């Protein structure tokens, strides 16, 4: 290997918004994550449905209604004045 062309690796701490910390080696110092393995819904088993732009209703129109889409419609009806 050539001398002087490789980046300098340092031990650093990667922090997630949930509070989890991981010690790794990297060329950057103090990395921050929004979601990690400790808080990601796939790994924790806690799946959250966030309906942005009516995606649940679009799915329901294409593939049939679901209990979740019915609940979302009821909630939206209460917010918008009972449509």
N, C-alpha and C. Protein backbone atom coordinates (compact mmCIF):
# COMPACT_ATOMS: atom_id res chain seq x y z
N UNK A 1 0.83 -1.18 0.00
CA UNK A 1 0.00 0.00 0.00
C UNK A 1 0.88 1.25 0.00
N UNK A 2 0.40 2.25 -0.67
CA UNK A 2 1.13 3.52 -0.70
C UNK A 2 0.93 4.27 0.60
N UNK A 3 1.95 4.89 1.06
CA UNK A 3 1.88 5.67 2.29
C UNK A 3 1.30 7.05 2.01
N UNK A 4 0.47 7.55 2.93
CA UNK A 4 -0.04 8.91 2.83
C UNK A 4 -1.29 9.11 2.00
N UNK A 5 -1.86 8.07 1.39
CA UNK A 5 -3.05 8.27 0.56
C UNK A 5 -4.31 7.70 1.22
N UNK A 6 -4.17 6.95 2.30
CA UNK A 6 -5.32 6.31 2.93
C UNK A 6 -5.88 7.20 4.04
N UNK A 7 -7.21 7.22 4.18
CA UNK A 7 -7.81 8.05 5.23
C UNK A 7 -7.46 7.52 6.61
N UNK A 8 -7.49 8.41 7.57
CA UNK A 8 -7.18 8.04 8.94
C UNK A 8 -8.46 7.59 9.64
N UNK A 9 -8.50 6.35 10.09
CA UNK A 9 -9.67 5.83 10.78
C UNK A 9 -9.52 6.09 12.27
N UNK A 10 -10.60 6.57 12.86
CA UNK A 10 -10.63 6.87 14.28
C UNK A 10 -11.81 6.14 14.91
N UNK A 11 -11.70 5.84 16.18
CA UNK A 11 -12.84 5.27 16.88
C UNK A 11 -13.83 6.40 17.13
N UNK A 12 -15.09 6.18 16.78
CA UNK A 12 -16.11 7.20 16.93
C UNK A 12 -17.38 6.58 17.50
N UNK A 13 -18.29 7.41 17.91
CA UNK A 13 -19.55 6.96 18.48
C UNK A 13 -20.67 7.35 17.52
N UNK A 14 -21.51 6.37 17.19
CA UNK A 14 -22.69 6.61 16.36
C UNK A 14 -23.87 6.66 17.31
N UNK A 15 -24.61 7.77 17.32
CA UNK A 15 -25.75 7.95 18.22
C UNK A 15 -27.05 8.01 17.43
N UNK A 16 -28.06 7.35 17.96
CA UNK A 16 -29.39 7.36 17.37
C UNK A 16 -30.28 8.30 18.18
N UNK A 17 -31.39 8.73 17.59
CA UNK A 17 -32.31 9.61 18.30
C UNK A 17 -32.99 8.89 19.46
N UNK A 18 -33.03 7.56 19.44
CA UNK A 18 -33.64 6.80 20.54
C UNK A 18 -32.70 6.69 21.74
N UNK A 19 -31.44 7.07 21.58
CA UNK A 19 -30.49 7.02 22.68
C UNK A 19 -29.46 5.90 22.57
N UNK A 20 -29.60 5.02 21.60
CA UNK A 20 -28.65 3.92 21.43
C UNK A 20 -27.32 4.47 20.91
N UNK A 21 -26.23 3.89 21.38
CA UNK A 21 -24.90 4.30 20.94
C UNK A 21 -24.12 3.09 20.46
N UNK A 22 -23.40 3.26 19.40
CA UNK A 22 -22.56 2.21 18.83
C UNK A 22 -21.15 2.76 18.66
N UNK A 23 -20.17 1.99 19.06
CA UNK A 23 -18.77 2.38 18.86
C UNK A 23 -18.26 1.69 17.60
N UNK A 24 -17.79 2.48 16.65
CA UNK A 24 -17.28 1.97 15.37
C UNK A 24 -16.02 2.75 15.01
N UNK A 25 -15.38 2.33 13.94
CA UNK A 25 -14.25 3.07 13.41
C UNK A 25 -14.69 3.71 12.10
N UNK A 26 -14.35 4.98 11.94
CA UNK A 26 -14.79 5.71 10.77
C UNK A 26 -13.82 6.85 10.50
N UNK A 27 -13.94 7.43 9.31
CA UNK A 27 -13.13 8.60 8.97
C UNK A 27 -13.78 9.88 9.49
N UNK A 28 -15.03 9.80 9.93
CA UNK A 28 -15.76 10.96 10.45
C UNK A 28 -15.95 10.80 11.95
N UNK A 29 -16.12 11.91 12.64
CA UNK A 29 -16.33 11.91 14.08
C UNK A 29 -17.81 12.13 14.40
N UNK A 30 -18.31 11.50 15.43
CA UNK A 30 -19.64 11.72 15.99
C UNK A 30 -20.74 11.69 14.92
N UNK A 31 -21.15 10.52 14.54
CA UNK A 31 -22.21 10.33 13.57
C UNK A 31 -23.56 10.23 14.28
N UNK A 32 -24.62 10.73 13.64
CA UNK A 32 -25.96 10.72 14.22
C UNK A 32 -26.91 10.03 13.26
N UNK A 33 -27.76 9.15 13.80
CA UNK A 33 -28.75 8.42 13.02
C UNK A 33 -30.16 8.84 13.41
N UNK A 34 -31.08 8.70 12.48
CA UNK A 34 -32.49 8.94 12.79
C UNK A 34 -33.17 7.68 13.28
N UNK A 35 -32.80 6.54 12.70
CA UNK A 35 -33.39 5.26 13.06
C UNK A 35 -32.28 4.21 13.06
N UNK A 36 -32.27 3.38 14.10
CA UNK A 36 -31.26 2.31 14.18
C UNK A 36 -31.96 0.98 14.39
N UNK A 37 -31.18 -0.08 14.56
CA UNK A 37 -31.74 -1.41 14.77
C UNK A 37 -32.49 -1.52 16.09
N UNK A 38 -32.17 -0.68 17.06
CA UNK A 38 -32.84 -0.74 18.36
C UNK A 38 -34.24 -0.13 18.32
N UNK A 39 -34.50 0.78 17.38
CA UNK A 39 -35.81 1.44 17.36
C UNK A 39 -36.56 1.30 16.02
N UNK A 40 -35.97 0.66 15.04
CA UNK A 40 -36.64 0.49 13.74
C UNK A 40 -37.82 -0.46 13.89
N UNK A 41 -38.99 -0.13 13.35
CA UNK A 41 -40.17 -0.98 13.50
C UNK A 41 -39.98 -2.40 12.98
N UNK A 42 -39.18 -2.60 11.96
CA UNK A 42 -38.98 -3.95 11.43
C UNK A 42 -38.30 -4.84 12.46
N UNK A 43 -37.32 -4.31 13.16
CA UNK A 43 -36.57 -5.09 14.13
C UNK A 43 -37.27 -5.19 15.48
N UNK A 44 -38.07 -4.19 15.85
CA UNK A 44 -38.75 -4.21 17.14
C UNK A 44 -40.11 -4.90 17.08
N UNK A 45 -40.68 -5.04 15.88
CA UNK A 45 -41.99 -5.67 15.74
C UNK A 45 -43.14 -4.70 15.97
N UNK A 46 -42.88 -3.44 16.17
CA UNK A 46 -43.91 -2.43 16.38
C UNK A 46 -44.07 -1.63 15.10
N UNK A 47 -44.95 -2.08 14.25
CA UNK A 47 -45.13 -1.39 12.98
C UNK A 47 -46.14 -0.26 13.15
N UNK A 48 -45.81 0.91 12.67
CA UNK A 48 -46.69 2.08 12.76
C UNK A 48 -47.15 2.44 11.35
N UNK A 49 -48.42 2.75 11.23
CA UNK A 49 -48.95 3.17 9.94
C UNK A 49 -49.13 4.68 9.95
N UNK A 50 -48.44 5.33 9.07
CA UNK A 50 -48.58 6.77 8.92
C UNK A 50 -49.13 7.01 7.52
N UNK A 51 -50.32 7.56 7.48
CA UNK A 51 -50.97 7.77 6.20
C UNK A 51 -50.67 9.18 5.71
N UNK A 52 -49.81 9.28 4.72
CA UNK A 52 -49.54 10.56 4.11
C UNK A 52 -50.02 10.50 2.68
N UNK A 53 -50.74 11.49 2.28
CA UNK A 53 -51.26 11.63 0.92
C UNK A 53 -52.26 10.54 0.56
N UNK A 54 -52.96 9.96 1.56
CA UNK A 54 -54.04 9.01 1.28
C UNK A 54 -53.60 7.69 0.69
N UNK A 55 -52.43 7.22 1.06
CA UNK A 55 -51.94 5.96 0.49
C UNK A 55 -52.76 4.76 0.95
N UNK A 56 -53.27 4.80 2.19
CA UNK A 56 -54.08 3.70 2.69
C UNK A 56 -55.37 3.62 1.89
N UNK A 57 -56.00 4.77 1.64
CA UNK A 57 -57.23 4.76 0.85
C UNK A 57 -56.98 4.29 -0.58
N UNK A 58 -55.86 4.69 -1.15
CA UNK A 58 -55.51 4.25 -2.51
C UNK A 58 -55.36 2.74 -2.54
N UNK A 59 -54.69 2.18 -1.54
CA UNK A 59 -54.54 0.72 -1.46
C UNK A 59 -55.90 0.05 -1.31
N UNK A 60 -56.75 0.63 -0.45
CA UNK A 60 -58.08 0.06 -0.22
C UNK A 60 -58.91 0.08 -1.51
N UNK A 61 -58.81 1.14 -2.29
CA UNK A 61 -59.55 1.19 -3.56
C UNK A 61 -59.08 0.13 -4.53
N UNK A 62 -57.78 -0.13 -4.54
CA UNK A 62 -57.24 -1.10 -5.49
C UNK A 62 -57.47 -2.54 -5.07
N UNK A 63 -57.33 -2.82 -3.77
CA UNK A 63 -57.35 -4.21 -3.32
C UNK A 63 -58.46 -4.53 -2.33
N UNK A 64 -59.37 -3.62 -2.09
CA UNK A 64 -60.46 -3.86 -1.16
C UNK A 64 -60.21 -3.13 0.15
N UNK A 65 -61.25 -3.08 0.96
CA UNK A 65 -61.13 -2.34 2.21
C UNK A 65 -60.43 -3.18 3.26
N UNK A 66 -59.85 -2.49 4.20
CA UNK A 66 -59.21 -3.13 5.35
C UNK A 66 -59.73 -2.47 6.60
N UNK A 67 -59.53 -3.10 7.73
CA UNK A 67 -59.96 -2.51 9.00
C UNK A 67 -59.24 -1.19 9.25
N UNK A 68 -57.97 -1.15 8.91
CA UNK A 68 -57.20 0.06 9.13
C UNK A 68 -57.72 1.21 8.27
N UNK A 69 -58.04 0.94 7.02
CA UNK A 69 -58.53 2.02 6.15
C UNK A 69 -59.88 2.53 6.63
N UNK A 70 -60.72 1.65 7.20
CA UNK A 70 -61.99 2.09 7.74
C UNK A 70 -61.78 3.00 8.95
N UNK A 71 -60.80 2.66 9.80
CA UNK A 71 -60.51 3.49 10.96
C UNK A 71 -59.98 4.85 10.54
N UNK A 72 -59.13 4.86 9.52
CA UNK A 72 -58.56 6.12 9.05
C UNK A 72 -59.66 7.00 8.48
N UNK A 73 -60.59 6.42 7.74
CA UNK A 73 -61.71 7.20 7.19
C UNK A 73 -62.56 7.81 8.30
N UNK A 74 -62.80 7.04 9.37
CA UNK A 74 -63.58 7.56 10.47
C UNK A 74 -62.87 8.72 11.15
N UNK A 75 -61.56 8.57 11.35
CA UNK A 75 -60.79 9.63 11.98
C UNK A 75 -60.77 10.88 11.11
N UNK A 76 -60.58 10.72 9.82
CA UNK A 76 -60.55 11.88 8.92
C UNK A 76 -61.90 12.55 8.89
N UNK A 77 -62.98 11.78 8.96
CA UNK A 77 -64.32 12.34 8.96
C UNK A 77 -64.57 13.20 10.19
N UNK A 78 -64.04 12.79 11.32
CA UNK A 78 -64.21 13.55 12.56
C UNK A 78 -63.43 14.85 12.48
N UNK A 79 -62.28 14.83 11.89
CA UNK A 79 -61.41 16.01 11.81
C UNK A 79 -61.97 17.02 10.83
N UNK A 80 -62.45 16.55 9.68
CA UNK A 80 -62.90 17.46 8.63
C UNK A 80 -64.36 17.87 8.76
N UNK A 81 -65.03 17.46 9.82
CA UNK A 81 -66.40 17.90 9.99
C UNK A 81 -67.42 16.87 9.58
N UNK A 82 -67.10 15.60 9.56
CA UNK A 82 -68.07 14.54 9.32
C UNK A 82 -68.42 14.29 7.88
N UNK A 83 -67.50 14.31 7.02
CA UNK A 83 -67.79 14.02 5.61
C UNK A 83 -68.24 12.61 5.42
